[in-house]
Amino acid sequence: MQAPDYENITPQELKRRLDDGDTPVLLDVRELWEFEIARIEGSKLIPMGEMPERVSELDPSAETVVICHHGSRSAYVTQALQQAGFGKVLNLEGGLDAYSREDPSMPRY
């Protein structure tokens, strides 16, 4: 099995970093209805389908963690941002579903 050509961050690592006051850009690429159910505080919502028109809202030099429900959409967007010249982009492994196991206050859906 081939390793992905993008970098992941585990839910445990992201939770630890956020708890320590680290502030990467949290880019949520889910749909609005999903974002309204559950989100990591401080996340910026740009649904995956809107990325081509809205990528200019992001800073290519900022560390960015891309988030979705299970990690598939965010993996796709992570790769697209890297190809667009973003320097440090991480995919949240397992998405918000996995993150909710680290943060019990996060609703699961």
PDB file of N, CA and C in Angstrom:
ATOM      1  N   MET A   1       0.851  -1.185   0.000  1.00  0.00           N
ATOM      2  CA  MET A   1       0.000   0.000   0.000  1.00  0.00           C
ATOM      3  C   MET A   1       0.895   1.247   0.000  1.00  0.00           C
ATOM      4  N   GLN A   2       0.555   2.179  -0.852  1.00  0.00           N
ATOM      5  CA  GLN A   2       1.360   3.396  -0.996  1.00  0.00           C
ATOM      6  C   GLN A   2       0.988   4.419   0.076  1.00  0.00           C
ATOM      7  N   ALA A   3       1.992   5.078   0.619  1.00  0.00           N
ATOM      8  CA  ALA A   3       1.743   6.136   1.606  1.00  0.00           C
ATOM      9  C   ALA A   3       1.132   7.334   0.890  1.00  0.00           C
ATOM     10  N   PRO A   4       0.248   8.062   1.571  1.00  0.00           N
ATOM     11  CA  PRO A   4      -0.349   9.238   0.929  1.00  0.00           C
ATOM     12  C   PRO A   4       0.716  10.302   0.661  1.00  0.00           C
ATOM     13  N   ASP A   5       0.486  11.116  -0.355  1.00  0.00           N
ATOM     14  CA  ASP A   5       1.458  12.163  -0.660  1.00  0.00           C
ATOM     15  C   ASP A   5       1.063  13.490  -0.022  1.00  0.00           C
ATOM     16  N   TYR A   6       0.569  13.386   1.183  1.00  0.00           N
ATOM     17  CA  TYR A   6       0.268  14.552   2.005  1.00  0.00           C
ATOM     18  C   TYR A   6       0.502  14.140   3.456  1.00  0.00           C
ATOM     19  N   GLU A   7       0.538  15.119   4.327  1.00  0.00           N
ATOM     20  CA  GLU A   7       0.827  14.842   5.735  1.00  0.00           C
ATOM     21  C   GLU A   7      -0.459  14.872   6.558  1.00  0.00           C
ATOM     22  N   ASN A   8      -0.587  13.924   7.466  1.00  0.00           N
ATOM     23  CA  ASN A   8      -1.725  13.880   8.387  1.00  0.00           C
ATOM     24  C   ASN A   8      -1.321  14.431   9.746  1.00  0.00           C
ATOM     25  N   ILE A   9      -2.324  14.854  10.507  1.00  0.00           N
ATOM     26  CA  ILE A   9      -2.149  15.127  11.932  1.00  0.00           C
ATOM     27  C   ILE A   9      -3.203  14.266  12.634  1.00  0.00           C
ATOM     28  N   THR A  10      -2.816  13.595  13.699  1.00  0.00           N
ATOM     29  CA  THR A  10      -3.767  12.747  14.409  1.00  0.00           C
ATOM     30  C   THR A  10      -4.695  13.617  15.255  1.00  0.00           C
ATOM     31  N   PRO A  11      -5.887  13.111  15.554  1.00  0.00           N
ATOM     32  CA  PRO A  11      -6.783  13.849  16.437  1.00  0.00           C
ATOM     33  C   PRO A  11      -6.129  14.144  17.798  1.00  0.00           C
ATOM     34  N   GLN A  12      -5.345  13.174  18.303  1.00  0.00           N
ATOM     35  CA  GLN A  12      -4.686  13.358  19.601  1.00  0.00           C
ATOM     36  C   GLN A  12      -3.704  14.532  19.542  1.00  0.00           C
ATOM     37  N   GLU A  13      -2.914  14.583  18.471  1.00  0.00           N
ATOM     38  CA  GLU A  13      -1.919  15.645  18.313  1.00  0.00           C
ATOM     39  C   GLU A  13      -2.598  16.999  18.150  1.00  0.00           C
ATOM     40  N   LEU A  14      -3.645  17.071  17.343  1.00  0.00           N
ATOM     41  CA  LEU A  14      -4.341  18.349  17.158  1.00  0.00           C
ATOM     42  C   LEU A  14      -4.947  18.822  18.471  1.00  0.00           C
ATOM     43  N   LYS A  15      -5.596  17.926  19.198  1.00  0.00           N
ATOM     44  CA  LYS A  15      -6.217  18.292  20.488  1.00  0.00           C
ATOM     45  C   LYS A  15      -5.151  18.806  21.444  1.00  0.00           C
ATOM     46  N   ARG A  16      -4.003  18.120  21.512  1.00  0.00           N
ATOM     47  CA  ARG A  16      -2.919  18.546  22.409  1.00  0.00           C
ATOM     48  C   ARG A  16      -2.430  19.937  22.015  1.00  0.00           C
ATOM     49  N   ARG A  17      -2.213  20.140  20.725  1.00  0.00           N
ATOM     50  CA  ARG A  17      -1.719  21.441  20.260  1.00  0.00           C
ATOM     51  C   ARG A  17      -2.718  22.558  20.544  1.00  0.00           C
ATOM     52  N   LEU A  18      -4.000  22.299  20.308  1.00  0.00           N
ATOM     53  CA  LEU A  18      -5.010  23.329  20.584  1.00  0.00           C
ATOM     54  C   LEU A  18      -5.087  23.615  22.083  1.00  0.00           C
ATOM     55  N   ASP A  19      -5.024  22.559  22.895  1.00  0.00           N
ATOM     56  CA  ASP A  19      -5.040  22.735  24.356  1.00  0.00           C
ATOM     57  C   ASP A  19      -3.829  23.530  24.832  1.00  0.00           C
ATOM     58  N   ASP A  20      -2.699  23.401  24.113  1.00  0.00           N
ATOM     59  CA  ASP A  20      -1.472  24.121  24.468  1.00  0.00           C
ATOM     60  C   ASP A  20      -1.463  25.553  23.942  1.00  0.00           C
ATOM     61  N   GLY A  21      -2.542  25.956  23.251  1.00  0.00           N
ATOM     62  CA  GLY A  21      -2.627  27.325  22.763  1.00  0.00           C
ATOM     63  C   GLY A  21      -2.082  27.538  21.363  1.00  0.00           C
ATOM     64  N   ASP A  22      -1.710  26.455  20.681  1.00  0.00           N
ATOM     65  CA  ASP A  22      -1.254  26.561  19.301  1.00  0.00           C
ATOM     66  C   ASP A  22      -2.456  26.946  18.430  1.00  0.00           C
ATOM     67  N   THR A  23      -2.219  27.757  17.409  1.00  0.00           N
ATOM     68  CA  THR A  23      -3.342  28.224  16.603  1.00  0.00           C
ATOM     69  C   THR A  23      -3.102  28.081  15.099  1.00  0.00           C
ATOM     70  N   PRO A  24      -3.063  26.844  14.599  1.00  0.00           N
ATOM     71  CA  PRO A  24      -3.025  26.694  13.141  1.00  0.00           C
ATOM     72  C   PRO A  24      -4.370  27.144  12.566  1.00  0.00           C
ATOM     73  N   VAL A  25      -4.402  27.446  11.287  1.00  0.00           N
ATOM     74  CA  VAL A  25      -5.677  27.724  10.626  1.00  0.00           C
ATOM     75  C   VAL A  25      -6.437  26.402  10.565  1.00  0.00           C
ATOM     76  N   LEU A  26      -7.665  26.398  11.048  1.00  0.00           N
ATOM     77  CA  LEU A  26      -8.504  25.205  11.010  1.00  0.00           C
ATOM     78  C   LEU A  26      -9.499  25.395   9.877  1.00  0.00           C
ATOM     79  N   LEU A  27      -9.271  24.714   8.772  1.00  0.00           N
ATOM     80  CA  LEU A  27     -10.096  24.851   7.581  1.00  0.00           C
ATOM     81  C   LEU A  27     -11.065  23.679   7.502  1.00  0.00           C
ATOM     82  N   ASP A  28     -12.351  23.963   7.697  1.00  0.00           N
ATOM     83  CA  ASP A  28     -13.387  22.934   7.657  1.00  0.00           C
ATOM     84  C   ASP A  28     -13.999  22.941   6.260  1.00  0.00           C
ATOM     85  N   VAL A  29     -13.927  21.794   5.572  1.00  0.00           N
ATOM     86  CA  VAL A  29     -14.395  21.729   4.180  1.00  0.00           C
ATOM     87  C   VAL A  29     -15.720  20.969   4.051  1.00  0.00           C
ATOM     88  N   ARG A  30     -16.424  20.794   5.170  1.00  0.00           N
ATOM     89  CA  ARG A  30     -17.728  20.131   5.133  1.00  0.00           C
ATOM     90  C   ARG A  30     -18.802  21.123   4.660  1.00  0.00           C
ATOM     91  N   GLU A  31     -20.027  20.663   4.597  1.00  0.00           N
ATOM     92  CA  GLU A  31     -21.146  21.524   4.219  1.00  0.00           C
ATOM     93  C   GLU A  31     -21.647  22.293   5.442  1.00  0.00           C
ATOM     94  N   LEU A  32     -22.367  23.394   5.198  1.00  0.00           N
ATOM     95  CA  LEU A  32     -22.862  24.244   6.283  1.00  0.00           C
ATOM     96  C   LEU A  32     -23.680  23.452   7.298  1.00  0.00           C
ATOM     97  N   TRP A  33     -24.557  22.554   6.835  1.00  0.00           N
ATOM     98  CA  TRP A  33     -25.398  21.804   7.773  1.00  0.00           C
ATOM     99  C   TRP A  33     -24.551  20.941   8.702  1.00  0.00           C
ATOM    100  N   GLU A  34     -23.435  20.406   8.207  1.00  0.00           N
ATOM    101  CA  GLU A  34     -22.549  19.601   9.047  1.00  0.00           C
ATOM    102  C   GLU A  34     -21.830  20.485  10.066  1.00  0.00           C
ATOM    103  N   PHE A  35     -21.374  21.647   9.586  1.00  0.00           N
ATOM    104  CA  PHE A  35     -20.663  22.610  10.425  1.00  0.00           C
ATOM    105  C   PHE A  35     -21.547  23.067  11.577  1.00  0.00           C
ATOM    106  N   GLU A  36     -22.856  23.206  11.312  1.00  0.00           N
ATOM    107  CA  GLU A  36     -23.786  23.643  12.360  1.00  0.00           C
ATOM    108  C   GLU A  36     -23.996  22.569  13.427  1.00  0.00           C
ATOM    109  N   ILE A  37     -23.792  21.307  13.077  1.00  0.00           N
ATOM    110  CA  ILE A  37     -23.943  20.209  14.048  1.00  0.00           C
ATOM    111  C   ILE A  37     -22.727  20.147  14.977  1.00  0.00           C
ATOM    112  N   ALA A  38     -21.529  20.205  14.401  1.00  0.00           N
ATOM    113  CA  ALA A  38     -20.301  20.022  15.185  1.00  0.00           C
ATOM    114  C   ALA A  38     -19.152  20.720  14.477  1.00  0.00           C
ATOM    115  N   ARG A  39     -18.306  21.384  15.253  1.00  0.00           N
ATOM    116  CA  ARG A  39     -17.109  22.011  14.689  1.00  0.00           C
ATOM    117  C   ARG A  39     -16.114  22.268  15.808  1.00  0.00           C
ATOM    118  N   ILE A  40     -14.846  22.374  15.409  1.00  0.00           N
ATOM    119  CA  ILE A  40     -13.808  22.762  16.358  1.00  0.00           C
ATOM    120  C   ILE A  40     -13.840  24.286  16.445  1.00  0.00           C
ATOM    121  N   GLU A  41     -13.867  24.790  17.653  1.00  0.00           N
ATOM    122  CA  GLU A  41     -13.924  26.231  17.890  1.00  0.00           C
ATOM    123  C   GLU A  41     -12.843  26.946  17.092  1.00  0.00           C
ATOM    124  N   GLY A  42     -13.242  28.002  16.391  1.00  0.00           N
ATOM    125  CA  GLY A  42     -12.286  28.793  15.629  1.00  0.00           C
ATOM    126  C   GLY A  42     -12.085  28.325  14.196  1.00  0.00           C
ATOM    127  N   SER A  43     -12.798  27.267  13.788  1.00  0.00           N
ATOM    128  CA  SER A  43     -12.660  26.758  12.422  1.00  0.00           C
ATOM    129  C   SER A  43     -13.254  27.728  11.412  1.00  0.00           C
ATOM    130  N   LYS A  44     -12.642  27.757  10.235  1.00  0.00           N
ATOM    131  CA  LYS A  44     -13.158  28.550   9.109  1.00  0.00           C
ATOM    132  C   LYS A  44     -13.829  27.579   8.153  1.00  0.00           C
ATOM    133  N   LEU A  45     -15.094  27.848   7.814  1.00  0.00           N
ATOM    134  CA  LEU A  45     -15.840  26.970   6.908  1.00  0.00           C
ATOM    135  C   LEU A  45     -15.706  27.452   5.470  1.00  0.00           C
ATOM    136  N   ILE A  46     -15.134  26.584   4.633  1.00  0.00           N
ATOM    137  CA  ILE A  46     -15.176  26.763   3.183  1.00  0.00           C
ATOM    138  C   ILE A  46     -15.506  25.376   2.618  1.00  0.00           C
ATOM    139  N   PRO A  47     -16.787  25.122   2.280  1.00  0.00           N
ATOM    140  CA  PRO A  47     -17.141  23.807   1.746  1.00  0.00           C
ATOM    141  C   PRO A  47     -16.269  23.430   0.547  1.00  0.00           C
ATOM    142  N   MET A  48     -15.947  22.154   0.432  1.00  0.00           N
ATOM    143  CA  MET A  48     -15.036  21.689  -0.601  1.00  0.00           C
ATOM    144  C   MET A  48     -15.418  22.209  -1.985  1.00  0.00           C
ATOM    145  N   GLY A  49     -16.699  22.225  -2.304  1.00  0.00           N
ATOM    146  CA  GLY A  49     -17.142  22.682  -3.610  1.00  0.00           C
ATOM    147  C   GLY A  49     -16.895  24.160  -3.871  1.00  0.00           C
ATOM    148  N   GLU A  50     -16.681  24.940  -2.810  1.00  0.00           N
ATOM    149  CA  GLU A  50     -16.439  26.378  -2.951  1.00  0.00           C
ATOM    150  C   GLU A  50     -14.951  26.730  -2.944  1.00  0.00           C
ATOM    151  N   MET A  51     -14.097  25.727  -2.712  1.00  0.00           N
ATOM    152  CA  MET A  51     -12.657  25.994  -2.597  1.00  0.00           C
ATOM    153  C   MET A  51     -12.066  26.733  -3.805  1.00  0.00           C
ATOM    154  N   PRO A  52     -12.381  26.338  -5.043  1.00  0.00           N
ATOM    155  CA  PRO A  52     -11.754  27.033  -6.174  1.00  0.00           C
ATOM    156  C   PRO A  52     -11.985  28.554  -6.157  1.00  0.00           C
ATOM    157  N   GLU A  53     -13.196  28.985  -5.808  1.00  0.00           N
ATOM    158  CA  GLU A  53     -13.497  30.417  -5.784  1.00  0.00           C
ATOM    159  C   GLU A  53     -12.985  31.104  -4.519  1.00  0.00           C
ATOM    160  N   ARG A  54     -12.806  30.362  -3.439  1.00  0.00           N
ATOM    161  CA  ARG A  54     -12.521  30.991  -2.143  1.00  0.00           C
ATOM    162  C   ARG A  54     -11.111  30.744  -1.615  1.00  0.00           C
ATOM    163  N   VAL A  55     -10.275  30.064  -2.377  1.00  0.00           N
ATOM    164  CA  VAL A  55      -8.923  29.750  -1.903  1.00  0.00           C
ATOM    165  C   VAL A  55      -8.146  31.024  -1.565  1.00  0.00           C
ATOM    166  N   SER A  56      -8.485  32.126  -2.218  1.00  0.00           N
ATOM    167  CA  SER A  56      -7.788  33.396  -1.949  1.00  0.00           C
ATOM    168  C   SER A  56      -8.044  33.919  -0.533  1.00  0.00           C
ATOM    169  N   GLU A  57      -9.026  33.368   0.164  1.00  0.00           N
ATOM    170  CA  GLU A  57      -9.300  33.767   1.554  1.00  0.00           C
ATOM    171  C   GLU A  57      -8.276  33.163   2.517  1.00  0.00           C
ATOM    172  N   LEU A  58      -7.462  32.251   2.025  1.00  0.00           N
ATOM    173  CA  LEU A  58      -6.496  31.551   2.874  1.00  0.00           C
ATOM    174  C   LEU A  58      -5.091  32.085   2.657  1.00  0.00           C
ATOM    175  N   ASP A  59      -4.256  31.958   3.682  1.00  0.00           N
ATOM    176  CA  ASP A  59      -2.862  32.399   3.630  1.00  0.00           C
ATOM    177  C   ASP A  59      -1.970  31.200   3.314  1.00  0.00           C
ATOM    178  N   PRO A  60      -1.335  31.189   2.123  1.00  0.00           N
ATOM    179  CA  PRO A  60      -0.498  30.044   1.742  1.00  0.00           C
ATOM    180  C   PRO A  60       0.687  29.805   2.674  1.00  0.00           C
ATOM    181  N   SER A  61       1.084  30.825   3.450  1.00  0.00           N
ATOM    182  CA  SER A  61       2.232  30.662   4.339  1.00  0.00           C
ATOM    183  C   SER A  61       1.828  30.191   5.736  1.00  0.00           C
ATOM    184  N   ALA A  62       0.528  30.187   6.038  1.00  0.00           N
ATOM    185  CA  ALA A  62       0.067  29.784   7.373  1.00  0.00           C
ATOM    186  C   ALA A  62      -0.074  28.271   7.448  1.00  0.00           C
ATOM    187  N   GLU A  63       0.255  27.701   8.604  1.00  0.00           N
ATOM    188  CA  GLU A  63       0.009  26.282   8.814  1.00  0.00           C
ATOM    189  C   GLU A  63      -1.507  26.064   8.816  1.00  0.00           C
ATOM    190  N   THR A  64      -1.978  25.142   8.009  1.00  0.00           N
ATOM    191  CA  THR A  64      -3.410  24.911   7.848  1.00  0.00           C
ATOM    192  C   THR A  64      -3.726  23.448   8.106  1.00  0.00           C
ATOM    193  N   VAL A  65      -4.721  23.207   8.979  1.00  0.00           N
ATOM    194  CA  VAL A  65      -5.224  21.851   9.228  1.00  0.00           C
ATOM    195  C   VAL A  65      -6.589  21.764   8.550  1.00  0.00           C
ATOM    196  N   VAL A  66      -6.710  20.810   7.615  1.00  0.00           N
ATOM    197  CA  VAL A  66      -7.951  20.653   6.855  1.00  0.00           C
ATOM    198  C   VAL A  66      -8.803  19.572   7.513  1.00  0.00           C
ATOM    199  N   ILE A  67     -10.097  19.880   7.694  1.00  0.00           N
ATOM    200  CA  ILE A  67     -11.001  19.042   8.487  1.00  0.00           C
ATOM    201  C   ILE A  67     -12.258  18.709   7.686  1.00  0.00           C
ATOM    202  N   CYS A  68     -12.691  17.445   7.772  1.00  0.00           N
ATOM    203  CA  CYS A  68     -14.012  17.065   7.260  1.00  0.00           C
ATOM    204  C   CYS A  68     -14.609  16.041   8.226  1.00  0.00           C
ATOM    205  N   HIS A  69     -15.585  15.260   7.778  1.00  0.00           N
ATOM    206  CA  HIS A  69     -16.250  14.320   8.678  1.00  0.00           C
ATOM    207  C   HIS A  69     -15.403  13.086   8.963  1.00  0.00           C
ATOM    208  N   HIS A  70     -14.882  12.430   7.908  1.00  0.00           N
ATOM    209  CA  HIS A  70     -14.110  11.205   8.108  1.00  0.00           C
ATOM    210  C   HIS A  70     -12.687  11.262   7.565  1.00  0.00           C
ATOM    211  N   GLY A  71     -12.310  12.353   6.910  1.00  0.00           N
ATOM    212  CA  GLY A  71     -10.937  12.497   6.433  1.00  0.00           C
ATOM    213  C   GLY A  71     -10.742  12.369   4.940  1.00  0.00           C
ATOM    214  N   SER A  72     -11.787  12.043   4.182  1.00  0.00           N
ATOM    215  CA  SER A  72     -11.628  11.873   2.731  1.00  0.00           C
ATOM    216  C   SER A  72     -11.629  13.205   1.987  1.00  0.00           C
ATOM    217  N   ARG A  73     -12.647  14.037   2.241  1.00  0.00           N
ATOM    218  CA  ARG A  73     -12.703  15.340   1.572  1.00  0.00           C
ATOM    219  C   ARG A  73     -11.498  16.181   1.969  1.00  0.00           C
ATOM    220  N   SER A  74     -11.143  16.125   3.249  1.00  0.00           N
ATOM    221  CA  SER A  74     -10.007  16.939   3.706  1.00  0.00           C
ATOM    222  C   SER A  74      -8.696  16.459   3.091  1.00  0.00           C
ATOM    223  N   ALA A  75      -8.556  15.156   2.859  1.00  0.00           N
ATOM    224  CA  ALA A  75      -7.344  14.644   2.203  1.00  0.00           C
ATOM    225  C   ALA A  75      -7.247  15.204   0.784  1.00  0.00           C
ATOM    226  N   TYR A  76      -8.367  15.229   0.084  1.00  0.00           N
ATOM    227  CA  TYR A  76      -8.402  15.767  -1.283  1.00  0.00           C
ATOM    228  C   TYR A  76      -8.018  17.253  -1.282  1.00  0.00           C
ATOM    229  N   VAL A  77      -8.607  18.028  -0.368  1.00  0.00           N
ATOM    230  CA  VAL A  77      -8.321  19.470  -0.298  1.00  0.00           C
ATOM    231  C   VAL A  77      -6.878  19.707   0.147  1.00  0.00           C
ATOM    232  N   THR A  78      -6.365  18.888   1.062  1.00  0.00           N
ATOM    233  CA  THR A  78      -4.971  19.009   1.505  1.00  0.00           C
ATOM    234  C   THR A  78      -4.036  18.899   0.304  1.00  0.00           C
ATOM    235  N   GLN A  79      -4.262  17.888  -0.532  1.00  0.00           N
ATOM    236  CA  GLN A  79      -3.424  17.694  -1.716  1.00  0.00           C
ATOM    237  C   GLN A  79      -3.568  18.879  -2.681  1.00  0.00           C
ATOM    238  N   ALA A  80      -4.792  19.351  -2.888  1.00  0.00           N
ATOM    239  CA  ALA A  80      -5.022  20.468  -3.806  1.00  0.00           C
ATOM    240  C   ALA A  80      -4.312  21.731  -3.320  1.00  0.00           C
ATOM    241  N   LEU A  81      -4.354  21.989  -2.012  1.00  0.00           N
ATOM    242  CA  LEU A  81      -3.684  23.183  -1.468  1.00  0.00           C
ATOM    243  C   LEU A  81      -2.173  23.058  -1.612  1.00  0.00           C
ATOM    244  N   GLN A  82      -1.634  21.866  -1.366  1.00  0.00           N
ATOM    245  CA  GLN A  82      -0.193  21.669  -1.548  1.00  0.00           C
ATOM    246  C   GLN A  82       0.199  21.943  -2.991  1.00  0.00           C
ATOM    247  N   GLN A  83      -0.581  21.442  -3.927  1.00  0.00           N
ATOM    248  CA  GLN A  83      -0.293  21.648  -5.346  1.00  0.00           C
ATOM    249  C   GLN A  83      -0.418  23.123  -5.724  1.00  0.00           C
ATOM    250  N   ALA A  84      -1.234  23.869  -4.963  1.00  0.00           N
ATOM    251  CA  ALA A  84      -1.411  25.302  -5.222  1.00  0.00           C
ATOM    252  C   ALA A  84      -0.313  26.138  -4.559  1.00  0.00           C
ATOM    253  N   GLY A  85       0.639  25.470  -3.888  1.00  0.00           N
ATOM    254  CA  GLY A  85       1.772  26.192  -3.311  1.00  0.00           C
ATOM    255  C   GLY A  85       1.690  26.495  -1.830  1.00  0.00           C
ATOM    256  N   PHE A  86       0.689  25.936  -1.148  1.00  0.00           N
ATOM    257  CA  PHE A  86       0.609  26.139   0.301  1.00  0.00           C
ATOM    258  C   PHE A  86       1.737  25.348   0.953  1.00  0.00           C
ATOM    259  N   GLY A  87       2.442  25.979   1.888  1.00  0.00           N
ATOM    260  CA  GLY A  87       3.643  25.381   2.454  1.00  0.00           C
ATOM    261  C   GLY A  87       3.417  24.285   3.470  1.00  0.00           C
ATOM    262  N   LYS A  88       2.508  24.486   4.415  1.00  0.00           N
ATOM    263  CA  LYS A  88       2.331  23.530   5.514  1.00  0.00           C
ATOM    264  C   LYS A  88       0.840  23.236   5.668  1.00  0.00           C
ATOM    265  N   VAL A  89       0.407  22.135   5.056  1.00  0.00           N
ATOM    266  CA  VAL A  89      -1.001  21.743   5.103  1.00  0.00           C
ATOM    267  C   VAL A  89      -1.087  20.337   5.686  1.00  0.00           C
ATOM    268  N   LEU A  90      -1.950  20.153   6.668  1.00  0.00           N
ATOM    269  CA  LEU A  90      -2.117  18.858   7.327  1.00  0.00           C
ATOM    270  C   LEU A  90      -3.567  18.413   7.222  1.00  0.00           C
ATOM    271  N   ASN A  91      -3.766  17.132   6.995  1.00  0.00           N
ATOM    272  CA  ASN A  91      -5.099  16.545   6.958  1.00  0.00           C
ATOM    273  C   ASN A  91      -5.409  15.964   8.338  1.00  0.00           C
ATOM    274  N   LEU A  92      -6.585  16.302   8.900  1.00  0.00           N
ATOM    275  CA  LEU A  92      -6.982  15.704  10.182  1.00  0.00           C
ATOM    276  C   LEU A  92      -7.381  14.253   9.933  1.00  0.00           C
ATOM    277  N   GLU A  93      -6.525  13.351  10.382  1.00  0.00           N
ATOM    278  CA  GLU A  93      -6.715  11.913  10.176  1.00  0.00           C
ATOM    279  C   GLU A  93      -8.012  11.447  10.839  1.00  0.00           C
ATOM    280  N   GLY A  94      -8.889  10.833  10.040  1.00  0.00           N
ATOM    281  CA  GLY A  94     -10.150  10.326  10.586  1.00  0.00           C
ATOM    282  C   GLY A  94     -11.225  11.385  10.741  1.00  0.00           C
ATOM    283  N   GLY A  95     -10.883  12.634  10.459  1.00  0.00           N
ATOM    284  CA  GLY A  95     -11.853  13.727  10.493  1.00  0.00           C
ATOM    285  C   GLY A  95     -12.420  14.021  11.871  1.00  0.00           C
ATOM    286  N   LEU A  96     -13.512  14.774  11.866  1.00  0.00           N
ATOM    287  CA  LEU A  96     -14.153  15.152  13.130  1.00  0.00           C
ATOM    288  C   LEU A  96     -14.703  13.949  13.869  1.00  0.00           C
ATOM    289  N   ASP A  97     -15.054  12.911  13.122  1.00  0.00           N
ATOM    290  CA  ASP A  97     -15.563  11.709  13.776  1.00  0.00           C
ATOM    291  C   ASP A  97     -14.510  11.150  14.726  1.00  0.00           C
ATOM    292  N   ALA A  98     -13.267  11.058  14.253  1.00  0.00           N
ATOM    293  CA  ALA A  98     -12.178  10.571  15.110  1.00  0.00           C
ATOM    294  C   ALA A  98     -11.845  11.596  16.201  1.00  0.00           C
ATOM    295  N   TYR A  99     -11.888  12.882  15.858  1.00  0.00           N
ATOM    296  CA  TYR A  99     -11.569  13.931  16.836  1.00  0.00           C
ATOM    297  C   TYR A  99     -12.554  13.904  18.005  1.00  0.00           C
ATOM    298  N   SER A 100     -13.810  13.544  17.726  1.00  0.00           N
ATOM    299  CA  SER A 100     -14.821  13.537  18.795  1.00  0.00           C
ATOM    300  C   SER A 100     -14.478  12.524  19.886  1.00  0.00           C
ATOM    301  N   ARG A 101     -13.638  11.541  19.572  1.00  0.00           N
ATOM    302  CA  ARG A 101     -13.213  10.582  20.604  1.00  0.00           C
ATOM    303  C   ARG A 101     -12.201  11.215  21.557  1.00  0.00           C
ATOM    304  N   GLU A 102     -11.509  12.258  21.086  1.00  0.00           N
ATOM    305  CA  GLU A 102     -10.534  12.970  21.926  1.00  0.00           C
ATOM    306  C   GLU A 102     -11.197  14.101  22.706  1.00  0.00           C
ATOM    307  N   ASP A 103     -12.280  14.627  22.161  1.00  0.00           N
ATOM    308  CA  ASP A 103     -12.985  15.751  22.781  1.00  0.00           C
ATOM    309  C   ASP A 103     -14.440  15.361  22.979  1.00  0.00           C
ATOM    310  N   PRO A 104     -14.773  14.858  24.173  1.00  0.00           N
ATOM    311  CA  PRO A 104     -16.121  14.368  24.436  1.00  0.00           C
ATOM    312  C   PRO A 104     -17.212  15.425  24.278  1.00  0.00           C
ATOM    313  N   SER A 105     -16.843  16.702  24.268  1.00  0.00           N
ATOM    314  CA  SER A 105     -17.854  17.751  24.091  1.00  0.00           C
ATOM    315  C   SER A 105     -18.283  17.875  22.618  1.00  0.00           C
ATOM    316  N   MET A 106     -17.547  17.214  21.725  1.00  0.00           N
ATOM    317  CA  MET A 106     -17.833  17.291  20.287  1.00  0.00           C
ATOM    318  C   MET A 106     -18.974  16.331  19.938  1.00  0.00           C
ATOM    319  N   PRO A 107     -20.095  16.844  19.416  1.00  0.00           N
ATOM    320  CA  PRO A 107     -21.179  15.939  19.021  1.00  0.00           C
ATOM    321  C   PRO A 107     -20.757  15.054  17.858  1.00  0.00           C
ATOM    322  N   ARG A 108     -21.234  13.816  17.847  1.00  0.00           N
ATOM    323  CA  ARG A 108     -20.980  12.915  16.714  1.00  0.00           C
ATOM    324  C   ARG A 108     -22.237  12.869  15.874  1.00  0.00           C
ATOM    325  N   TYR A 109     -22.057  12.698  14.579  1.00  0.00           N
ATOM    326  CA  TYR A 109     -23.215  12.574  13.670  1.00  0.00           C
ATOM    327  C   TYR A 109     -22.892  11.606  12.557  1.00  0.00           C
TER     328      TYR A 109
END
